[in-house]
């Protein structure tokens, strides 16, 4: 199997407020937890990290788990934590509530290279900052945003080289876009046939 000299970081530090404060990483789909679904699809990455505010929940996973360094500011804090703890220069950021990620697309990102600081999937409906590649050289910029209380990930794109990955032009584009779907509510979980722990 190919090994991508990159780190895959799964953000699992959200509060799950729209889900009744259930830890979404442990919701189930087809008998597997969401976190298991994602871990299976990033097995080609040389390093895998989970960013969580409850590291003890992952003691059976044999995966490195790090605690979110900056809590309460949304995914930017998780990206920052992932970059700081990564052994590799390039980091794939994923959210734990997207169990349908397309394995071939994550492989495509694993094989990608270039001078960008962010490789950002885009399509007709928008962009996907939580299925994107970020480089460690962004750490200083993120620290400045945090200090300035500018917590939207989009601010990071304004002054850094961003490679837009046009999903609409890729084979399997429908499957890839379906893979970006995140589950935020009990109703959405039921719609896809998922279940609580």
C-alpha atoms as a PDB file:
ATOM      1  CA  UNK A   1       0.000   0.000   0.000  1.00  0.00           C
ATOM      2  CA  UNK A   2       1.179   3.528  -0.790  1.00  0.00           C
ATOM      3  CA  UNK A   3       2.265   5.559   2.202  1.00  0.00           C
ATOM      4  CA  UNK A   4       1.748   9.286   1.908  1.00  0.00           C
ATOM      5  CA  UNK A   5       4.333  11.311   3.809  1.00  0.00           C
ATOM      6  CA  UNK A   6       1.572  13.400   5.314  1.00  0.00           C
ATOM      7  CA  UNK A   7      -0.430  13.489   8.517  1.00  0.00           C
ATOM      8  CA  UNK A   8      -4.180  12.901   8.565  1.00  0.00           C
ATOM      9  CA  UNK A   9      -5.859  14.796  11.410  1.00  0.00           C
ATOM     10  CA  UNK A  10      -9.427  14.022  12.429  1.00  0.00           C
ATOM     11  CA  UNK A  11     -11.117  16.815  14.364  1.00  0.00           C
ATOM     12  CA  UNK A  12     -13.286  15.347  17.098  1.00  0.00           C
ATOM     13  CA  UNK A  13     -13.436  18.229  19.540  1.00  0.00           C
ATOM     14  CA  UNK A  14     -16.810  19.703  18.628  1.00  0.00           C
ATOM     15  CA  UNK A  15     -19.508  20.075  21.228  1.00  0.00           C
ATOM     16  CA  UNK A  16     -22.225  18.428  19.119  1.00  0.00           C
ATOM     17  CA  UNK A  17     -24.708  21.032  20.337  1.00  0.00           C
ATOM     18  CA  UNK A  18     -27.220  20.344  17.537  1.00  0.00           C
ATOM     19  CA  UNK A  19     -26.961  16.635  18.316  1.00  0.00           C
ATOM     20  CA  UNK A  20     -27.909  17.076  21.971  1.00  0.00           C
ATOM     21  CA  UNK A  21     -24.231  17.187  22.991  1.00  0.00           C
ATOM     22  CA  UNK A  22     -23.587  13.631  21.792  1.00  0.00           C
ATOM     23  CA  UNK A  23     -20.007  12.885  20.740  1.00  0.00           C
ATOM     24  CA  UNK A  24     -20.459  12.567  16.976  1.00  0.00           C
ATOM     25  CA  UNK A  25     -17.266  10.550  16.547  1.00  0.00           C
ATOM     26  CA  UNK A  26     -19.044   7.597  18.153  1.00  0.00           C
ATOM     27  CA  UNK A  27     -22.269   7.725  16.195  1.00  0.00           C
ATOM     28  CA  UNK A  28     -22.649   4.598  14.076  1.00  0.00           C
ATOM     29  CA  UNK A  29     -23.164   3.869  10.404  1.00  0.00           C
ATOM     30  CA  UNK A  30     -23.352   0.287   9.107  1.00  0.00           C
ATOM     31  CA  UNK A  31     -22.243  -1.018  12.487  1.00  0.00           C
ATOM     32  CA  UNK A  32     -19.089   1.116  12.637  1.00  0.00           C
ATOM     33  CA  UNK A  33     -18.487   4.335  14.522  1.00  0.00           C
ATOM     34  CA  UNK A  34     -17.979   7.456  12.449  1.00  0.00           C
ATOM     35  CA  UNK A  35     -14.372   7.628  13.639  1.00  0.00           C
ATOM     36  CA  UNK A  36     -13.777   4.036  12.464  1.00  0.00           C
ATOM     37  CA  UNK A  37     -15.272   4.835   9.055  1.00  0.00           C
ATOM     38  CA  UNK A  38     -12.819   7.690   8.595  1.00  0.00           C
ATOM     39  CA  UNK A  39      -9.789   5.874  10.011  1.00  0.00           C
ATOM     40  CA  UNK A  40     -10.249   3.112   7.439  1.00  0.00           C
ATOM     41  CA  UNK A  41     -10.093   5.657   4.618  1.00  0.00           C
ATOM     42  CA  UNK A  42      -6.870   7.382   5.712  1.00  0.00           C
ATOM     43  CA  UNK A  43      -4.843   4.229   6.313  1.00  0.00           C
ATOM     44  CA  UNK A  44      -2.427   5.231   3.531  1.00  0.00           C
ATOM     45  CA  UNK A  45      -1.264   8.299   5.458  1.00  0.00           C
ATOM     46  CA  UNK A  46       2.009   7.903   7.304  1.00  0.00           C
ATOM     47  CA  UNK A  47       0.671   9.464  10.498  1.00  0.00           C
ATOM     48  CA  UNK A  48      -2.845   9.760  11.906  1.00  0.00           C
ATOM     49  CA  UNK A  49      -3.869  12.054  14.765  1.00  0.00           C
ATOM     50  CA  UNK A  50      -7.173  12.676  16.483  1.00  0.00           C
ATOM     51  CA  UNK A  51      -7.819  16.071  18.073  1.00  0.00           C
ATOM     52  CA  UNK A  52     -10.276  15.647  20.932  1.00  0.00           C
ATOM     53  CA  UNK A  53     -11.247  17.232  24.226  1.00  0.00           C
ATOM     54  CA  UNK A  54     -11.829  13.711  25.593  1.00  0.00           C
ATOM     55  CA  UNK A  55      -8.662  11.712  24.785  1.00  0.00           C
ATOM     56  CA  UNK A  56      -9.639   8.957  27.208  1.00  0.00           C
ATOM     57  CA  UNK A  57     -12.447   7.878  24.852  1.00  0.00           C
ATOM     58  CA  UNK A  58      -9.880   6.684  22.320  1.00  0.00           C
ATOM     59  CA  UNK A  59      -7.756   4.434  24.512  1.00  0.00           C
ATOM     60  CA  UNK A  60      -8.788   1.358  22.478  1.00  0.00           C
ATOM     61  CA  UNK A  61      -7.943   2.880  19.089  1.00  0.00           C
ATOM     62  CA  UNK A  62      -4.120   2.734  19.245  1.00  0.00           C
ATOM     63  CA  UNK A  63      -4.048   6.133  17.537  1.00  0.00           C
ATOM     64  CA  UNK A  64      -2.270   9.213  18.828  1.00  0.00           C
ATOM     65  CA  UNK A  65      -4.823  11.572  20.389  1.00  0.00           C
ATOM     66  CA  UNK A  66      -4.029  15.179  21.291  1.00  0.00           C
ATOM     67  CA  UNK A  67      -6.144  17.639  23.224  1.00  0.00           C
ATOM     68  CA  UNK A  68      -7.351  20.786  21.497  1.00  0.00           C
ATOM     69  CA  UNK A  69      -4.967  23.603  22.446  1.00  0.00           C
ATOM     70  CA  UNK A  70      -7.448  26.391  21.873  1.00  0.00           C
ATOM     71  CA  UNK A  71     -10.970  25.420  22.840  1.00  0.00           C
ATOM     72  CA  UNK A  72     -14.176  27.234  22.015  1.00  0.00           C
ATOM     73  CA  UNK A  73     -13.138  28.840  18.725  1.00  0.00           C
ATOM     74  CA  UNK A  74     -14.411  26.193  16.328  1.00  0.00           C
ATOM     75  CA  UNK A  75     -12.391  24.171  13.831  1.00  0.00           C
ATOM     76  CA  UNK A  76      -9.584  26.736  13.501  1.00  0.00           C
ATOM     77  CA  UNK A  77      -8.365  25.668  16.942  1.00  0.00           C
ATOM     78  CA  UNK A  78      -8.408  22.025  15.865  1.00  0.00           C
ATOM     79  CA  UNK A  79      -6.467  22.802  12.677  1.00  0.00           C
ATOM     80  CA  UNK A  80      -3.906  24.702  14.756  1.00  0.00           C
ATOM     81  CA  UNK A  81      -3.562  21.796  17.201  1.00  0.00           C
ATOM     82  CA  UNK A  82      -3.207  19.319  14.365  1.00  0.00           C
ATOM     83  CA  UNK A  83      -0.495  21.323  12.606  1.00  0.00           C
ATOM     84  CA  UNK A  84       1.505  21.810  15.803  1.00  0.00           C
ATOM     85  CA  UNK A  85       1.434  18.086  16.600  1.00  0.00           C
ATOM     86  CA  UNK A  86       2.031  16.809  13.088  1.00  0.00           C
ATOM     87  CA  UNK A  87       5.336  15.118  12.252  1.00  0.00           C
ATOM     88  CA  UNK A  88       4.891  15.995   8.582  1.00  0.00           C
ATOM     89  CA  UNK A  89       4.799  19.298   6.747  1.00  0.00           C
ATOM     90  CA  UNK A  90       1.493  18.633   5.066  1.00  0.00           C
ATOM     91  CA  UNK A  91      -1.677  17.807   6.966  1.00  0.00           C
ATOM     92  CA  UNK A  92      -5.036  16.512   5.785  1.00  0.00           C
ATOM     93  CA  UNK A  93      -7.789  17.926   7.993  1.00  0.00           C
ATOM     94  CA  UNK A  94     -11.036  15.975   8.321  1.00  0.00           C
ATOM     95  CA  UNK A  95     -14.048  16.325  10.567  1.00  0.00           C
ATOM     96  CA  UNK A  96     -15.283  13.340  12.588  1.00  0.00           C
ATOM     97  CA  UNK A  97     -18.874  13.861  11.435  1.00  0.00           C
ATOM     98  CA  UNK A  98     -18.174  13.048   7.766  1.00  0.00           C
ATOM     99  CA  UNK A  99     -18.185   9.209   7.672  1.00  0.00           C
ATOM    100  CA  UNK A 100     -18.934   9.022   3.939  1.00  0.00           C
ATOM    101  CA  UNK A 101     -15.603  10.438   2.734  1.00  0.00           C
ATOM    102  CA  UNK A 102     -14.529   9.080  -0.652  1.00  0.00           C
ATOM    103  CA  UNK A 103     -11.424   6.924  -0.226  1.00  0.00           C
ATOM    104  CA  UNK A 104     -10.150   7.623  -3.754  1.00  0.00           C
ATOM    105  CA  UNK A 105     -10.367  11.364  -3.187  1.00  0.00           C
ATOM    106  CA  UNK A 106      -8.423  11.130   0.088  1.00  0.00           C
ATOM    107  CA  UNK A 107      -5.828   9.116  -1.835  1.00  0.00           C
ATOM    108  CA  UNK A 108      -5.775  11.856  -4.497  1.00  0.00           C
ATOM    109  CA  UNK A 109      -5.047  14.443  -1.796  1.00  0.00           C
ATOM    110  CA  UNK A 110      -2.400  12.148  -0.337  1.00  0.00           C
ATOM    111  CA  UNK A 111      -0.563  12.100  -3.672  1.00  0.00           C
ATOM    112  CA  UNK A 112      -0.883  15.839  -4.274  1.00  0.00           C
ATOM    113  CA  UNK A 113       2.125  18.169  -4.094  1.00  0.00           C
ATOM    114  CA  UNK A 114       2.874  21.800  -4.885  1.00  0.00           C
ATOM    115  CA  UNK A 115       3.787  25.254  -3.608  1.00  0.00           C
ATOM    116  CA  UNK A 116       0.382  25.936  -2.054  1.00  0.00           C
ATOM    117  CA  UNK A 117      -0.143  26.377   1.669  1.00  0.00           C
ATOM    118  CA  UNK A 118      -3.720  25.131   1.393  1.00  0.00           C
ATOM    119  CA  UNK A 119      -5.191  22.658  -1.097  1.00  0.00           C
ATOM    120  CA  UNK A 120      -8.890  23.440  -0.886  1.00  0.00           C
ATOM    121  CA  UNK A 121     -11.623  21.362  -2.540  1.00  0.00           C
ATOM    122  CA  UNK A 122     -14.204  23.547  -4.280  1.00  0.00           C
ATOM    123  CA  UNK A 123     -17.346  22.779  -6.283  1.00  0.00           C
ATOM    124  CA  UNK A 124     -20.463  24.540  -7.545  1.00  0.00           C
ATOM    125  CA  UNK A 125     -22.066  24.501  -4.116  1.00  0.00           C
ATOM    126  CA  UNK A 126     -19.095  25.932  -2.209  1.00  0.00           C
ATOM    127  CA  UNK A 127     -15.797  24.879  -0.669  1.00  0.00           C
ATOM    128  CA  UNK A 128     -14.720  22.204   1.808  1.00  0.00           C
ATOM    129  CA  UNK A 129     -12.257  23.547   4.398  1.00  0.00           C
ATOM    130  CA  UNK A 130     -12.634  20.394   6.518  1.00  0.00           C
ATOM    131  CA  UNK A 131     -11.503  18.025   3.784  1.00  0.00           C
ATOM    132  CA  UNK A 132      -8.430  20.010   2.829  1.00  0.00           C
ATOM    133  CA  UNK A 133      -4.635  20.004   3.043  1.00  0.00           C
ATOM    134  CA  UNK A 134      -2.845  22.564   5.216  1.00  0.00           C
ATOM    135  CA  UNK A 135       0.906  23.078   5.625  1.00  0.00           C
ATOM    136  CA  UNK A 136       2.716  23.607   8.922  1.00  0.00           C
ATOM    137  CA  UNK A 137       4.022  26.955   7.668  1.00  0.00           C
ATOM    138  CA  UNK A 138       0.521  28.307   8.413  1.00  0.00           C
ATOM    139  CA  UNK A 139       0.996  27.998  12.187  1.00  0.00           C
ATOM    140  CA  UNK A 140       2.190  31.594  12.618  1.00  0.00           C
ATOM    141  CA  UNK A 141      -0.692  32.964  10.546  1.00  0.00           C
ATOM    142  CA  UNK A 142      -3.204  30.972  12.582  1.00  0.00           C
ATOM    143  CA  UNK A 143      -1.707  32.280  15.820  1.00  0.00           C
ATOM    144  CA  UNK A 144      -2.186  35.839  14.558  1.00  0.00           C
ATOM    145  CA  UNK A 145      -5.826  35.102  13.697  1.00  0.00           C
ATOM    146  CA  UNK A 146      -6.423  33.589  17.125  1.00  0.00           C
ATOM    147  CA  UNK A 147      -4.805  36.588  18.831  1.00  0.00           C
ATOM    148  CA  UNK A 148      -7.016  38.881  16.753  1.00  0.00           C
ATOM    149  CA  UNK A 149     -10.127  36.819  17.570  1.00  0.00           C
ATOM    150  CA  UNK A 150     -10.630  36.154  13.850  1.00  0.00           C
ATOM    151  CA  UNK A 151     -11.728  32.543  14.072  1.00  0.00           C
ATOM    152  CA  UNK A 152     -13.168  31.895  10.614  1.00  0.00           C
ATOM    153  CA  UNK A 153     -11.035  29.499   8.572  1.00  0.00           C
ATOM    154  CA  UNK A 154     -11.707  31.659   5.499  1.00  0.00           C
ATOM    155  CA  UNK A 155      -9.436  34.396   6.893  1.00  0.00           C
ATOM    156  CA  UNK A 156      -6.545  31.986   6.458  1.00  0.00           C
ATOM    157  CA  UNK A 157      -7.044  31.932   2.695  1.00  0.00           C
ATOM    158  CA  UNK A 158      -6.790  35.679   2.190  1.00  0.00           C
ATOM    159  CA  UNK A 159      -3.005  36.056   2.365  1.00  0.00           C
ATOM    160  CA  UNK A 160      -1.763  32.562   1.580  1.00  0.00           C
ATOM    161  CA  UNK A 161      -1.328  30.547  -1.633  1.00  0.00           C
ATOM    162  CA  UNK A 162      -4.427  28.385  -2.061  1.00  0.00           C
ATOM    163  CA  UNK A 163      -4.646  25.628  -4.644  1.00  0.00           C
ATOM    164  CA  UNK A 164      -8.294  25.136  -5.545  1.00  0.00           C
ATOM    165  CA  UNK A 165      -9.121  21.500  -6.228  1.00  0.00           C
ATOM    166  CA  UNK A 166     -12.114  21.581  -8.574  1.00  0.00           C
ATOM    167  CA  UNK A 167     -14.244  18.589  -7.625  1.00  0.00           C
ATOM    168  CA  UNK A 168     -16.654  19.098 -10.529  1.00  0.00           C
ATOM    169  CA  UNK A 169     -13.860  18.193 -12.982  1.00  0.00           C
ATOM    170  CA  UNK A 170     -12.855  14.967 -11.241  1.00  0.00           C
ATOM    171  CA  UNK A 171     -14.091  11.436 -11.941  1.00  0.00           C
ATOM    172  CA  UNK A 172     -16.441  10.273  -9.180  1.00  0.00           C
ATOM    173  CA  UNK A 173     -17.323  13.919  -8.513  1.00  0.00           C
ATOM    174  CA  UNK A 174     -20.824  12.998  -7.297  1.00  0.00           C
ATOM    175  CA  UNK A 175     -19.462  10.404  -4.867  1.00  0.00           C
ATOM    176  CA  UNK A 176     -16.775  12.818  -3.688  1.00  0.00           C
ATOM    177  CA  UNK A 177     -19.331  15.555  -3.004  1.00  0.00           C
ATOM    178  CA  UNK A 178     -21.575  13.081  -1.199  1.00  0.00           C
ATOM    179  CA  UNK A 179     -18.573  12.270   0.982  1.00  0.00           C
ATOM    180  CA  UNK A 180     -18.454  15.841   2.269  1.00  0.00           C
ATOM    181  CA  UNK A 181     -21.856  15.447   3.888  1.00  0.00           C
ATOM    182  CA  UNK A 182     -21.656  15.999   7.617  1.00  0.00           C
ATOM    183  CA  UNK A 183     -24.174  14.804  10.158  1.00  0.00           C
ATOM    184  CA  UNK A 184     -25.268  17.514  12.579  1.00  0.00           C
ATOM    185  CA  UNK A 185     -28.660  16.454  13.924  1.00  0.00           C
ATOM    186  CA  UNK A 186     -30.503  13.331  15.016  1.00  0.00           C
ATOM    187  CA  UNK A 187     -32.818  13.805  12.005  1.00  0.00           C
ATOM    188  CA  UNK A 188     -29.861  13.775   9.595  1.00  0.00           C
ATOM    189  CA  UNK A 189     -28.520  10.675  11.319  1.00  0.00           C
ATOM    190  CA  UNK A 190     -31.843   8.912  10.829  1.00  0.00           C
ATOM    191  CA  UNK A 191     -31.981  10.007   7.166  1.00  0.00           C
ATOM    192  CA  UNK A 192     -28.762   8.112   6.395  1.00  0.00           C
ATOM    193  CA  UNK A 193     -29.722   5.072   8.466  1.00  0.00           C
ATOM    194  CA  UNK A 194     -27.191   5.788  11.195  1.00  0.00           C
ATOM    195  CA  UNK A 195     -27.629   5.285  14.906  1.00  0.00           C
ATOM    196  CA  UNK A 196     -26.464   6.542  18.249  1.00  0.00           C
ATOM    197  CA  UNK A 197     -23.940   4.573  20.319  1.00  0.00           C
END
